[in-house]
Amino acid sequence: MTMDTIRDAIMSGDRSEQTYAGIALPESYRAATVHKDEVDMFEGVASRDKDPRQSLHIDDVPIPELAPDEALVAVMASAINYNTVWTSIFEPVSTFGFLERYGRLNDWSKRHDLPYHIVGSDLSGVVLRTGSHVSKWNAGQEVVAHCLSVELEDPDGHDDTMMDPQQRIWGFETNFGGLAELAIVKANQLMPKPDHLTWEEAASPGLVNSTAYRQLISKNGAALKLGDRVLIWGASGGLGSYATQMALAAGAEPVCVVSSPDKAEICRQMGAELIIDRRAEGFQFWNEEGTKQNPKEWQRLGKKIRELTGGHDVDIVFEHPGRETFGASVYVARKGGKIVTCASTSGFMHEYDNRYLWMNLKSIVSSHFANYRESWEANELINRGLIHPTLSKTYQLEEVGQAALDVHHNLHQGKVGVLTLAPEAGLGVTNADKRSGFEQEINRFRNA
């Protein structure tokens, strides 16, 4: 009943600090978890055949004690990211190793080393409690969270918090993630919820929007400039859809790589004109055994790009598929161009022909999530309506396994949302006038 009281207070629209501070907390809450005693359940099974519906559970878990620099958030909605897929299939390693190492850091981090891992790296919701050292945030405030968890006890991270030796991704390398009715975050992960968005829309951009911002826009990534030509793999997907929007908003020219006519149409609706349907073109960068690449296919991709751009190679390659595409990415970047990589969803062991890199003075730039400033700036783009959520479908918390399976098998467009405390989709908008100017853009991906 206490969880119902929290939900009712949020649904009422009352955001007074006294209301939420006066609500008694429940002893437990529902959360999506993986179990430590099941890490070997998929042994001998091919990656694609590992089923998150078998490994993701909905459990009642106790509320841990709140550290001085943390906030307890009532989560109305969350979203699926590929790190939840990795966690659920225990690849490339079990995340319980992350929790064990974190647990050895200090007395507060011991809470994270549990026989279950509460997953999820996105949320939108309302602050319920704050730790004794928190002054910026109060109970009752509507928030979203970015997923960077840092300690900042070392000097390395004070220029760029992503360089903190204790940098972790919340809900992946830490516990108490966002795919739950409640979540614990460090207070410096909180950002204002855009008031023109529903709970599920506001929850969906966090990880991917910030990641795309650092990778493509920030000086720590590609430092995109007006007029740059950018090859974007998976341009209608959870990450690529934000890169496509940013490239267009910045006056660059995206070359969008997709895998179906439907995904090509989504890119056109975002405003992109140069599109490659890799499936229709029949690109095969590797042989069937996956042991050898075909440079002629790299050349064919480069030729296709030049056909679209009027004879130009791309300045930047927005890389995240990894092994499957990396050789082609290195090849097609222009002389002096950049290949910026933030993930490896098709495999971590990349192979490329180094001659095309060193002899043409190209650069491979690594990019991982975003620091607090970059995350805040990326969230402001959403808040101002310069970038829009790419939510396509929303599941209930009980269906989190199916939602993760959709992402695992690339059956989705944009982002897949998950309702946690929100009783239904479409709730949470407090600025309808602002929303009315962006309704079409917000709903571009809906049920795509």
Protein backbone atom coordinates (compact mmCIF):
# COMPACT_ATOMS: atom_id res chain seq x y z
CA MET A 1 0.00 0.00 0.00
CA THR A 2 2.92 2.38 0.64
CA MET A 3 3.97 2.12 -3.02
CA ASP A 4 0.39 2.98 -3.97
CA THR A 5 0.61 6.04 -1.71
CA ILE A 6 3.79 7.15 -3.51
CA ARG A 7 2.18 6.61 -6.91
CA ASP A 8 -0.99 8.45 -5.87
CA ALA A 9 1.01 11.43 -4.64
CA ILE A 10 2.88 11.64 -7.95
CA MET A 11 -0.31 11.25 -9.97
CA SER A 12 -2.00 14.03 -7.96
CA GLY A 13 0.51 16.58 -9.25
CA ASP A 14 1.48 17.67 -5.74
CA ARG A 15 5.23 18.34 -5.74
CA SER A 16 5.64 19.88 -2.30
CA GLU A 17 8.67 18.68 -0.38
CA GLN A 18 6.57 18.14 2.74
CA THR A 19 4.25 15.68 0.99
CA TYR A 20 7.01 13.34 -0.13
CA ALA A 21 9.12 13.69 2.97
CA GLY A 22 6.04 12.67 4.96
CA ILE A 23 5.38 9.46 3.03
CA ALA A 24 6.67 6.42 4.88
CA LEU A 25 8.92 4.27 2.74
CA PRO A 26 8.03 0.63 2.09
CA GLU A 27 10.30 -2.16 3.27
CA SER A 28 10.78 -3.45 -0.28
CA TYR A 29 10.09 -2.63 -3.90
CA ARG A 30 9.83 -4.49 -7.21
CA ALA A 31 12.88 -4.51 -9.46
CA ALA A 32 14.23 -6.23 -12.57
CA THR A 33 17.18 -8.38 -11.52
CA VAL A 34 19.63 -11.00 -12.63
CA HIS A 35 20.79 -13.63 -10.12
CA LYS A 36 24.36 -14.47 -9.26
CA ASP A 37 23.64 -18.20 -9.03
CA GLU A 38 22.46 -18.20 -12.67
CA VAL A 39 25.51 -16.73 -14.40
CA ASP A 40 26.25 -20.09 -16.07
CA MET A 41 22.71 -20.70 -17.27
CA PHE A 42 23.58 -19.98 -20.93
CA GLU A 43 26.85 -21.89 -21.02
CA GLY A 44 27.38 -23.38 -24.50
CA VAL A 45 24.56 -21.32 -26.03
CA ALA A 46 25.31 -18.97 -28.93
CA SER A 47 25.00 -15.29 -28.04
CA ARG A 48 22.01 -14.68 -30.28
CA ASP A 49 20.14 -17.62 -28.75
CA LYS A 50 20.57 -16.43 -25.17
CA ASP A 51 17.14 -15.29 -23.99
CA PRO A 52 16.82 -12.38 -21.51
CA ARG A 53 13.32 -13.60 -20.66
CA GLN A 54 14.94 -16.51 -18.84
CA SER A 55 17.51 -14.50 -16.88
CA LEU A 56 15.66 -11.28 -16.00
CA HIS A 57 13.43 -11.61 -12.93
CA ILE A 58 10.99 -9.30 -11.18
CA ASP A 59 11.83 -9.54 -7.49
CA ASP A 60 10.84 -7.80 -4.27
CA VAL A 61 14.07 -6.31 -2.91
CA PRO A 62 14.79 -4.33 0.28
CA ILE A 63 15.56 -0.60 0.18
CA PRO A 64 19.22 -0.08 1.07
CA GLU A 65 20.36 2.66 3.41
CA LEU A 66 20.89 5.99 1.64
CA ALA A 67 24.46 7.35 1.52
CA PRO A 68 25.07 11.06 2.29
CA ASP A 69 25.57 11.98 -1.39
CA GLU A 70 22.68 9.98 -2.83
CA ALA A 71 19.01 10.35 -3.70
CA LEU A 72 16.18 7.83 -3.57
CA VAL A 73 13.92 8.27 -6.60
CA ALA A 74 10.43 6.93 -7.23
CA VAL A 75 10.85 5.66 -10.78
CA MET A 76 7.88 6.23 -13.07
CA ALA A 77 9.57 4.87 -16.21
CA SER A 78 12.86 3.53 -17.46
CA ALA A 79 14.26 2.20 -20.75
CA ILE A 80 16.27 -0.64 -22.24
CA ASN A 81 19.87 -0.10 -23.26
CA TYR A 82 22.28 -2.60 -24.72
CA ASN A 83 24.12 -2.82 -21.41
CA THR A 84 20.99 -4.44 -19.95
CA VAL A 85 21.14 -6.99 -22.75
CA TRP A 86 24.79 -7.69 -21.94
CA THR A 87 23.94 -8.04 -18.25
CA SER A 88 21.05 -10.40 -18.97
CA ILE A 89 23.08 -12.76 -21.17
CA PHE A 90 26.19 -12.49 -18.95
CA GLU A 91 28.40 -11.25 -21.77
CA PRO A 92 31.18 -10.41 -22.26
CA VAL A 93 31.52 -11.05 -18.52
CA SER A 94 29.13 -11.36 -15.62
CA THR A 95 28.39 -7.98 -14.05
CA PHE A 96 28.70 -9.52 -10.59
CA GLY A 97 32.44 -9.05 -10.95
CA PHE A 98 31.82 -5.30 -11.21
CA LEU A 99 29.69 -5.37 -8.08
CA GLU A 100 32.26 -7.37 -6.14
CA ARG A 101 35.05 -4.94 -7.00
CA TYR A 102 32.91 -1.93 -6.20
CA GLY A 103 31.93 -3.53 -2.91
CA ARG A 104 35.55 -3.52 -1.78
CA LEU A 105 35.96 0.25 -2.26
CA ASN A 106 34.39 1.62 0.94
CA ASP A 107 31.72 1.02 3.56
CA TRP A 108 28.94 2.51 1.43
CA SER A 109 29.90 0.60 -1.72
CA LYS A 110 29.56 -2.71 0.18
CA ARG A 111 25.78 -2.37 -0.32
CA HIS A 112 26.22 -3.05 -4.03
CA ASP A 113 27.80 -6.49 -3.65
CA LEU A 114 24.65 -8.60 -3.52
CA PRO A 115 23.55 -11.97 -4.93
CA TYR A 116 21.23 -10.07 -7.26
CA HIS A 117 21.83 -7.14 -9.60
CA ILE A 118 19.10 -4.53 -10.13
CA VAL A 119 19.63 -3.39 -13.70
CA GLY A 120 18.75 -0.33 -15.76
CA SER A 121 20.65 2.85 -16.64
CA ASP A 122 17.76 5.26 -17.34
CA LEU A 123 14.94 6.71 -15.27
CA SER A 124 12.40 9.47 -14.94
CA GLY A 125 10.61 10.03 -11.68
CA VAL A 126 10.29 12.03 -8.48
CA VAL A 127 12.81 12.44 -5.68
CA LEU A 128 11.65 10.83 -2.42
CA ARG A 129 14.67 11.26 -0.16
CA THR A 130 18.10 12.85 -0.30
CA GLY A 131 21.23 12.13 1.71
CA SER A 132 22.58 14.48 4.35
CA HIS A 133 25.17 16.02 2.01
CA VAL A 134 22.71 16.84 -0.80
CA SER A 135 21.65 20.48 -1.19
CA LYS A 136 20.74 20.91 -4.88
CA TRP A 137 17.80 18.49 -4.94
CA ASN A 138 14.74 18.08 -2.71
CA ALA A 139 11.96 15.57 -2.27
CA GLY A 140 9.15 16.20 -4.75
CA GLN A 141 11.28 17.35 -7.69
CA GLU A 142 10.72 15.73 -11.08
CA VAL A 143 13.98 14.37 -12.43
CA VAL A 144 15.75 12.24 -14.97
CA ALA A 145 19.13 10.65 -14.32
CA HIS A 146 22.27 10.17 -16.34
CA CYS A 147 24.20 6.98 -15.67
CA LEU A 148 27.68 8.23 -14.73
CA SER A 149 28.74 7.17 -11.22
CA VAL A 150 32.03 8.64 -9.98
CA GLU A 151 33.85 8.99 -6.66
CA LEU A 152 36.19 11.91 -7.64
CA GLU A 153 38.71 11.18 -4.90
CA ASP A 154 41.51 11.03 -7.47
CA PRO A 155 42.79 14.06 -9.43
CA ASP A 156 42.37 12.33 -12.79
CA GLY A 157 38.64 12.96 -13.03
CA HIS A 158 38.52 16.63 -12.17
CA ASP A 159 39.12 17.83 -15.73
CA ASP A 160 36.81 15.22 -17.25
CA THR A 161 34.84 13.04 -14.83
CA MET A 162 34.87 10.18 -17.33
CA MET A 163 38.58 9.90 -16.51
CA ASP A 164 37.94 9.18 -12.82
CA PRO A 165 39.61 5.83 -11.99
CA GLN A 166 36.39 4.93 -10.14
CA GLN A 167 34.10 5.82 -13.05
CA ARG A 168 31.22 3.36 -13.39
CA ILE A 169 27.96 3.07 -15.28
CA TRP A 170 25.03 3.05 -12.88
CA GLY A 171 22.77 0.01 -13.24
CA PHE A 172 25.48 -1.88 -15.14
CA GLU A 173 28.63 -1.60 -13.03
CA THR A 174 26.68 -0.60 -9.92
CA ASN A 175 23.53 -1.93 -8.29
CA PHE A 176 20.11 -0.34 -7.61
CA GLY A 177 19.42 0.59 -11.24
CA GLY A 178 16.42 2.20 -12.91
CA LEU A 179 14.38 -0.79 -14.08
CA ALA A 180 12.55 -0.79 -10.77
CA GLU A 181 9.91 1.04 -8.75
CA LEU A 182 12.63 2.80 -6.76
CA ALA A 183 16.26 3.57 -7.57
CA ILE A 184 19.30 4.94 -5.78
CA VAL A 185 21.57 7.36 -7.63
CA LYS A 186 24.30 9.78 -6.66
CA ALA A 187 22.74 13.22 -6.46
CA ASN A 188 25.08 14.50 -9.17
CA GLN A 189 23.38 12.12 -11.61
CA LEU A 190 20.10 14.03 -11.40
CA MET A 191 18.85 16.48 -14.03
CA PRO A 192 15.49 18.25 -14.47
CA LYS A 193 12.82 16.27 -16.27
CA PRO A 194 11.76 18.03 -19.50
CA ASP A 195 8.25 19.19 -18.66
CA HIS A 196 6.74 18.64 -22.11
CA LEU A 197 7.45 14.90 -22.12
CA THR A 198 5.65 11.90 -20.67
CA TRP A 199 7.43 9.79 -18.06
CA GLU A 200 8.41 7.15 -20.59
CA GLU A 201 9.55 9.70 -23.18
CA ALA A 202 11.67 11.54 -20.63
CA ALA A 203 13.27 8.30 -19.42
CA SER A 204 14.32 7.09 -22.85
CA PRO A 205 17.06 9.55 -23.99
CA GLY A 206 19.36 9.56 -20.93
CA LEU A 207 22.11 7.09 -21.77
CA VAL A 208 22.03 7.20 -25.56
CA ASN A 209 21.50 10.95 -25.92
CA SER A 210 24.43 11.74 -23.63
CA THR A 211 26.59 9.09 -25.31
CA ALA A 212 25.85 10.48 -28.77
CA TYR A 213 26.52 14.03 -27.58
CA ARG A 214 30.00 13.26 -26.28
CA GLN A 215 30.83 10.99 -29.21
CA LEU A 216 29.73 13.37 -31.94
CA ILE A 217 29.53 16.94 -30.59
CA SER A 218 31.92 17.27 -27.65
CA LYS A 219 35.58 18.22 -27.90
CA ASN A 220 36.17 14.86 -26.18
CA GLY A 221 34.72 13.07 -29.21
CA ALA A 222 34.45 14.02 -32.88
CA ALA A 223 33.96 17.78 -32.27
CA LEU A 224 31.48 17.91 -35.16
CA LYS A 225 31.39 21.18 -37.08
CA LEU A 226 29.10 22.82 -39.60
CA GLY A 227 29.19 21.02 -42.95
CA ASP A 228 30.85 17.78 -41.79
CA ARG A 229 29.76 14.61 -43.52
CA VAL A 230 29.04 11.84 -41.02
CA LEU A 231 28.47 8.15 -41.64
CA ILE A 232 26.07 6.92 -38.95
CA TRP A 233 25.69 3.18 -38.50
CA GLY A 234 22.27 2.09 -37.23
CA ALA A 235 20.94 5.58 -37.84
CA SER A 236 17.39 4.77 -36.72
CA GLY A 237 18.45 2.80 -33.64
CA GLY A 238 18.66 3.76 -29.99
CA LEU A 239 22.02 5.51 -30.34
CA GLY A 240 22.12 6.38 -34.03
CA SER A 241 18.76 8.15 -33.96
CA TYR A 242 20.20 10.78 -31.61
CA ALA A 243 23.39 11.09 -33.65
CA THR A 244 21.28 11.66 -36.76
CA GLN A 245 19.27 14.41 -35.07
CA MET A 246 22.40 16.08 -33.71
CA ALA A 247 24.15 16.03 -37.06
CA LEU A 248 21.15 17.64 -38.72
CA ALA A 249 20.68 20.22 -35.95
CA ALA A 250 24.38 21.15 -36.17
CA GLY A 251 24.30 21.74 -39.92
CA ALA A 252 26.22 18.58 -40.77
CA GLU A 253 25.26 16.03 -43.43
CA PRO A 254 24.48 12.55 -42.09
CA VAL A 255 24.86 9.49 -44.29
CA CYS A 256 22.49 7.10 -42.57
CA VAL A 257 23.10 3.35 -42.68
CA VAL A 258 20.00 1.26 -41.93
CA SER A 259 18.83 -2.30 -42.52
CA SER A 260 15.27 -1.95 -43.87
CA PRO A 261 12.98 0.37 -45.84
CA ASP A 262 11.02 1.14 -42.66
CA LYS A 263 14.19 2.30 -40.92
CA ALA A 264 15.13 4.35 -43.97
CA GLU A 265 11.74 6.08 -43.80
CA ILE A 266 12.31 6.94 -40.13
CA CYS A 267 15.56 8.66 -41.11
CA ARG A 268 13.77 10.63 -43.80
CA GLN A 269 11.18 11.74 -41.26
CA MET A 270 14.03 13.04 -39.09
CA GLY A 271 15.21 15.09 -42.07
CA ALA A 272 18.04 12.96 -43.43
CA GLU A 273 18.36 12.63 -47.20
CA LEU A 274 21.41 10.40 -47.75
CA ILE A 275 20.50 6.85 -46.78
CA ILE A 276 22.06 3.44 -47.38
CA ASP A 277 19.95 0.34 -46.83
CA ARG A 278 22.79 -2.10 -46.21
CA ARG A 279 20.51 -5.13 -46.51
CA ALA A 280 19.08 -4.02 -49.84
CA GLU A 281 22.61 -3.28 -51.08
CA GLY A 282 23.72 -6.73 -49.91
CA PHE A 283 26.91 -5.64 -48.14
CA GLN A 284 28.85 -8.60 -46.72
CA PHE A 285 32.00 -7.37 -45.03
CA TRP A 286 32.89 -10.84 -43.68
CA ASN A 287 32.76 -14.33 -45.11
CA GLU A 288 30.10 -16.72 -43.81
CA GLU A 289 32.46 -18.18 -41.22
CA GLY A 290 33.25 -14.70 -39.89
CA THR A 291 36.98 -15.32 -40.24
CA LYS A 292 37.97 -13.05 -43.11
CA GLN A 293 36.91 -9.63 -44.37
CA ASN A 294 36.34 -8.64 -47.98
CA PRO A 295 38.04 -5.31 -48.81
CA LYS A 296 36.09 -5.15 -52.08
CA GLU A 297 32.97 -4.65 -49.98
CA TRP A 298 34.65 -1.76 -48.15
CA GLN A 299 35.40 -0.25 -51.55
CA ARG A 300 31.82 -0.77 -52.67
CA LEU A 301 30.55 1.01 -49.55
CA GLY A 302 32.96 3.90 -50.18
CA LYS A 303 31.71 4.15 -53.76
CA LYS A 304 28.10 4.22 -52.56
CA ILE A 305 28.90 7.01 -50.10
CA ARG A 306 30.56 9.08 -52.84
CA GLU A 307 27.53 8.56 -55.10
CA LEU A 308 25.34 10.10 -52.41
CA THR A 309 27.67 12.95 -51.42
CA GLY A 310 28.70 14.09 -54.88
CA GLY A 311 32.12 12.45 -54.75
CA HIS A 312 33.12 13.10 -51.15
CA ASP A 313 34.26 10.71 -48.39
CA VAL A 314 32.94 11.22 -44.89
CA ASP A 315 34.74 13.35 -42.31
CA ILE A 316 33.48 11.29 -39.37
CA VAL A 317 32.31 7.71 -38.88
CA PHE A 318 29.93 7.25 -35.94
CA GLU A 319 30.92 3.71 -34.91
CA HIS A 320 29.20 1.39 -32.46
CA PRO A 321 28.51 -1.99 -34.15
CA GLY A 322 32.19 -2.92 -33.71
CA ARG A 323 33.64 -6.06 -35.23
CA GLU A 324 31.15 -6.40 -38.09
CA THR A 325 31.68 -2.90 -39.48
CA PHE A 326 34.95 -1.55 -38.10
CA GLY A 327 37.16 -2.52 -41.04
CA ALA A 328 34.76 -0.78 -43.40
CA SER A 329 34.58 2.26 -41.12
CA VAL A 330 38.34 2.74 -41.15
CA TYR A 331 38.43 2.40 -44.92
CA VAL A 332 35.62 4.84 -45.82
CA ALA A 333 36.68 7.76 -43.61
CA ARG A 334 38.34 10.53 -45.62
CA LYS A 335 42.05 11.23 -45.41
CA GLY A 336 42.55 12.84 -42.01
CA GLY A 337 39.07 11.76 -40.92
CA LYS A 338 37.90 10.35 -37.61
CA ILE A 339 36.41 7.02 -36.64
CA VAL A 340 34.75 7.58 -33.25
CA THR A 341 33.77 4.40 -31.42
CA CYS A 342 31.68 3.98 -28.28
CA ALA A 343 30.60 0.33 -28.35
CA SER A 344 30.90 -3.06 -30.01
CA THR A 345 27.46 -4.61 -30.18
CA SER A 346 28.54 -7.12 -32.87
CA GLY A 347 31.82 -8.08 -31.15
CA PHE A 348 34.72 -6.50 -29.30
CA MET A 349 37.69 -7.87 -31.25
CA HIS A 350 37.98 -5.43 -34.14
CA GLU A 351 40.04 -6.02 -37.27
CA TYR A 352 41.00 -3.40 -39.83
CA ASP A 353 43.73 -2.78 -42.39
CA ASN A 354 46.11 -0.39 -40.67
CA ARG A 355 47.50 0.87 -43.99
CA TYR A 356 44.28 2.80 -44.57
CA LEU A 357 44.64 4.36 -41.12
CA TRP A 358 48.27 5.36 -40.80
CA MET A 359 49.02 6.20 -44.44
CA ASN A 360 45.94 8.42 -44.63
CA LEU A 361 46.43 10.08 -41.24
CA LYS A 362 43.05 8.99 -39.93
CA SER A 363 42.24 8.90 -36.21
CA ILE A 364 40.41 6.34 -34.11
CA VAL A 365 38.83 8.16 -31.16
CA SER A 366 37.38 6.29 -28.20
CA SER A 367 34.26 7.66 -26.54
CA HIS A 368 32.44 6.31 -23.50
CA PHE A 369 29.18 7.73 -22.14
CA ALA A 370 29.59 11.39 -21.07
CA ASN A 371 30.64 13.54 -18.16
CA TYR A 372 28.14 15.47 -16.05
CA ARG A 373 28.48 18.69 -18.06
CA GLU A 374 28.01 16.85 -21.37
CA SER A 375 25.01 14.94 -19.98
CA TRP A 376 23.43 18.15 -18.72
CA GLU A 377 23.96 19.87 -22.08
CA ALA A 378 22.48 16.86 -23.91
CA ASN A 379 19.46 16.93 -21.60
CA GLU A 380 19.04 20.65 -22.29
CA LEU A 381 18.81 19.88 -26.02
CA ILE A 382 15.86 17.63 -25.20
CA ASN A 383 14.34 20.22 -22.86
CA ARG A 384 14.58 22.96 -25.51
CA GLY A 385 13.09 20.78 -28.24
CA LEU A 386 16.23 20.80 -30.38
CA ILE A 387 16.51 17.01 -30.03
CA HIS A 388 13.53 14.71 -29.43
CA PRO A 389 13.02 11.31 -27.82
CA THR A 390 12.97 8.38 -30.21
CA LEU A 391 10.69 6.13 -28.16
CA SER A 392 9.00 3.51 -30.33
CA LYS A 393 7.38 1.08 -27.90
CA THR A 394 6.73 0.82 -24.17
CA TYR A 395 6.46 -2.31 -22.02
CA GLN A 396 5.33 -2.96 -18.47
CA LEU A 397 7.96 -3.84 -15.86
CA GLU A 398 6.72 -7.43 -15.90
CA GLU A 399 7.63 -7.60 -19.60
CA VAL A 400 11.21 -6.38 -19.20
CA GLY A 401 12.60 -9.69 -20.51
CA GLN A 402 10.70 -9.34 -23.78
CA ALA A 403 11.77 -5.71 -24.08
CA ALA A 404 15.42 -6.72 -23.67
CA LEU A 405 14.98 -9.54 -26.19
CA ASP A 406 13.66 -7.06 -28.76
CA VAL A 407 16.81 -4.96 -28.36
CA HIS A 408 19.03 -8.07 -28.35
CA HIS A 409 17.59 -9.14 -31.71
CA ASN A 410 17.43 -5.60 -33.15
CA LEU A 411 13.66 -5.82 -33.56
CA HIS A 412 13.18 -2.26 -32.37
CA GLN A 413 13.41 1.26 -33.72
CA GLY A 414 14.83 4.02 -31.57
CA LYS A 415 14.40 3.33 -27.86
CA VAL A 416 12.25 0.81 -25.99
CA GLY A 417 10.65 2.15 -22.81
CA VAL A 418 9.53 0.36 -19.64
CA LEU A 419 6.80 1.61 -17.28
CA THR A 420 7.67 1.04 -13.63
CA LEU A 421 5.40 3.01 -11.24
CA ALA A 422 3.49 4.81 -14.00
CA PRO A 423 0.16 2.95 -14.40
CA GLU A 424 -0.04 3.65 -18.12
CA ALA A 425 1.75 5.42 -20.93
CA GLY A 426 1.07 9.06 -21.79
CA LEU A 427 1.27 10.55 -18.29
CA GLY A 428 3.59 13.14 -16.81
CA VAL A 429 3.28 16.10 -19.20
CA THR A 430 3.10 19.40 -17.25
CA ASN A 431 3.68 21.83 -20.11
CA ALA A 432 1.16 20.97 -22.81
CA ASP A 433 1.65 24.28 -24.65
CA LYS A 434 5.35 23.59 -25.12
CA ARG A 435 4.60 20.03 -26.21
CA SER A 436 2.11 21.16 -28.84
CA GLY A 437 4.95 22.63 -30.88
CA PHE A 438 6.83 19.32 -31.01
CA GLU A 439 4.07 16.68 -31.04
CA GLN A 440 4.88 15.33 -34.50
CA GLU A 441 8.61 15.08 -33.80
CA ILE A 442 8.08 13.42 -30.41
CA ASN A 443 5.88 10.74 -31.97
CA ARG A 444 8.01 10.03 -35.05
CA PHE A 445 9.13 6.63 -33.79
CA ARG A 446 5.91 5.59 -32.09
CA ASN A 447 5.00 1.98 -32.93
CA ALA A 448 7.52 2.03 -35.80
